[in-house]
Amino acid sequence: MPQLSPLNWIFLFLLFWLAVLTISILIWWSSNTFFKPEHLEESKSQENKWNW
């Protein structure tokens, strides 16, 4: 394995933690219940309270 400059080690370190953070955010976002279809169906079945 070739020698890396200190700047490249810093870039690798940042890239690793950026990947960990991105995967963690994707896992958290996929487990969110904000946009589940059953919530959309419940909102459709409610009466419209506006008069127009």
N, C-alpha and C. Protein backbone atom coordinates (compact mmCIF):
# COMPACT_ATOMS: atom_id res chain seq x y z
N MET A 1 0.85 -1.19 0.00
CA MET A 1 0.00 0.00 0.00
C MET A 1 0.89 1.24 0.00
N PRO A 2 0.62 2.17 -0.92
CA PRO A 2 1.49 3.36 -0.99
C PRO A 2 1.30 4.29 0.20
N GLN A 3 2.32 5.07 0.45
CA GLN A 3 2.26 6.05 1.54
C GLN A 3 1.29 7.17 1.15
N LEU A 4 0.52 7.62 2.12
CA LEU A 4 -0.40 8.72 1.88
C LEU A 4 0.10 9.97 2.59
N SER A 5 -0.15 11.09 1.99
CA SER A 5 0.21 12.34 2.64
C SER A 5 -0.75 12.62 3.79
N PRO A 6 -0.34 13.43 4.76
CA PRO A 6 -1.24 13.73 5.88
C PRO A 6 -2.56 14.34 5.44
N LEU A 7 -2.55 15.13 4.38
CA LEU A 7 -3.79 15.71 3.89
C LEU A 7 -4.74 14.64 3.38
N ASN A 8 -4.20 13.62 2.71
CA ASN A 8 -5.04 12.53 2.23
C ASN A 8 -5.61 11.72 3.39
N TRP A 9 -4.85 11.55 4.48
CA TRP A 9 -5.39 10.85 5.65
C TRP A 9 -6.55 11.63 6.26
N ILE A 10 -6.42 12.95 6.27
CA ILE A 10 -7.52 13.78 6.79
C ILE A 10 -8.74 13.64 5.90
N PHE A 11 -8.54 13.64 4.58
CA PHE A 11 -9.66 13.46 3.66
C PHE A 11 -10.32 12.10 3.83
N LEU A 12 -9.51 11.05 4.02
CA LEU A 12 -10.08 9.72 4.25
C LEU A 12 -10.87 9.68 5.55
N PHE A 13 -10.35 10.31 6.59
CA PHE A 13 -11.03 10.36 7.88
C PHE A 13 -12.38 11.06 7.73
N LEU A 14 -12.39 12.22 7.06
CA LEU A 14 -13.64 12.96 6.87
C LEU A 14 -14.61 12.19 5.98
N LEU A 15 -14.10 11.53 4.95
CA LEU A 15 -14.96 10.76 4.07
C LEU A 15 -15.60 9.60 4.80
N PHE A 16 -14.85 8.95 5.68
CA PHE A 16 -15.39 7.84 6.45
C PHE A 16 -16.53 8.31 7.35
N TRP A 17 -16.32 9.39 8.10
CA TRP A 17 -17.37 9.86 9.01
C TRP A 17 -18.55 10.46 8.26
N LEU A 18 -18.30 11.03 7.11
CA LEU A 18 -19.41 11.52 6.28
C LEU A 18 -20.26 10.35 5.80
N ALA A 19 -19.64 9.25 5.42
CA ALA A 19 -20.39 8.06 5.00
C ALA A 19 -21.18 7.48 6.16
N VAL A 20 -20.58 7.42 7.35
CA VAL A 20 -21.29 6.91 8.53
C VAL A 20 -22.49 7.80 8.85
N LEU A 21 -22.30 9.10 8.80
CA LEU A 21 -23.39 10.03 9.08
C LEU A 21 -24.49 9.91 8.04
N THR A 22 -24.12 9.80 6.78
CA THR A 22 -25.12 9.68 5.72
C THR A 22 -25.94 8.41 5.85
N ILE A 23 -25.29 7.30 6.14
CA ILE A 23 -26.02 6.03 6.31
C ILE A 23 -26.92 6.10 7.53
N SER A 24 -26.44 6.72 8.60
CA SER A 24 -27.28 6.85 9.80
C SER A 24 -28.51 7.69 9.52
N ILE A 25 -28.35 8.78 8.79
CA ILE A 25 -29.49 9.64 8.45
C ILE A 25 -30.46 8.89 7.55
N LEU A 26 -29.96 8.11 6.60
CA LEU A 26 -30.85 7.35 5.72
C LEU A 26 -31.63 6.30 6.50
N ILE A 27 -30.99 5.63 7.44
CA ILE A 27 -31.69 4.65 8.26
C ILE A 27 -32.75 5.33 9.11
N TRP A 28 -32.41 6.48 9.71
CA TRP A 28 -33.37 7.21 10.53
C TRP A 28 -34.54 7.69 9.67
N TRP A 29 -34.25 8.19 8.48
CA TRP A 29 -35.31 8.73 7.63
C TRP A 29 -36.23 7.62 7.15
N SER A 30 -35.68 6.43 6.86
CA SER A 30 -36.53 5.34 6.37
C SER A 30 -37.40 4.78 7.49
N SER A 31 -36.99 4.96 8.76
CA SER A 31 -37.80 4.47 9.86
C SER A 31 -38.80 5.52 10.35
N ASN A 32 -38.81 6.69 9.76
CA ASN A 32 -39.76 7.74 10.14
C ASN A 32 -41.17 7.33 9.77
N THR A 33 -42.14 7.81 10.52
CA THR A 33 -43.53 7.48 10.21
C THR A 33 -44.28 8.70 9.69
N PHE A 34 -43.58 9.74 9.30
CA PHE A 34 -44.25 10.95 8.84
C PHE A 34 -45.02 10.72 7.55
N PHE A 35 -44.48 9.94 6.64
CA PHE A 35 -45.06 9.84 5.30
C PHE A 35 -45.59 8.44 5.01
N LYS A 36 -46.09 7.76 6.02
CA LYS A 36 -46.67 6.43 5.80
C LYS A 36 -48.02 6.57 5.11
N PRO A 37 -48.41 5.61 4.25
CA PRO A 37 -49.67 5.74 3.51
C PRO A 37 -50.91 5.76 4.41
N GLU A 38 -50.90 5.07 5.55
CA GLU A 38 -52.11 5.05 6.37
C GLU A 38 -52.45 6.44 6.90
N HIS A 39 -51.44 7.28 7.13
CA HIS A 39 -51.72 8.64 7.58
C HIS A 39 -52.37 9.45 6.46
N LEU A 40 -51.97 9.17 5.23
CA LEU A 40 -52.59 9.88 4.12
C LEU A 40 -54.04 9.46 3.94
N GLU A 41 -54.33 8.17 4.14
CA GLU A 41 -55.70 7.71 4.00
C GLU A 41 -56.59 8.30 5.09
N GLU A 42 -56.06 8.44 6.30
CA GLU A 42 -56.84 9.03 7.37
C GLU A 42 -57.18 10.49 7.07
N SER A 43 -56.23 11.21 6.49
CA SER A 43 -56.48 12.62 6.20
C SER A 43 -57.49 12.77 5.06
N LYS A 44 -57.55 11.81 4.13
CA LYS A 44 -58.51 11.89 3.04
C LYS A 44 -59.93 11.63 3.55
N SER A 45 -60.05 10.77 4.55
CA SER A 45 -61.39 10.40 5.01
C SER A 45 -62.01 11.47 5.91
N GLN A 46 -61.22 12.43 6.39
CA GLN A 46 -61.78 13.48 7.23
C GLN A 46 -62.56 14.46 6.38
N GLU A 47 -63.56 15.07 7.00
CA GLU A 47 -64.37 16.04 6.27
C GLU A 47 -63.57 17.32 6.01
N ASN A 48 -63.93 17.96 4.92
CA ASN A 48 -63.32 19.23 4.60
C ASN A 48 -64.01 20.31 5.42
N LYS A 49 -63.25 21.05 6.22
CA LYS A 49 -63.85 22.05 7.10
C LYS A 49 -63.89 23.43 6.47
N TRP A 50 -63.36 23.53 5.26
CA TRP A 50 -63.40 24.82 4.58
C TRP A 50 -64.70 24.95 3.82
N ASN A 51 -65.16 26.16 3.63
CA ASN A 51 -66.42 26.40 2.95
C ASN A 51 -66.26 26.68 1.46
N TRP A 52 -65.09 26.50 0.93
CA TRP A 52 -64.91 26.77 -0.48
C TRP A 52 -64.21 25.61 -1.15
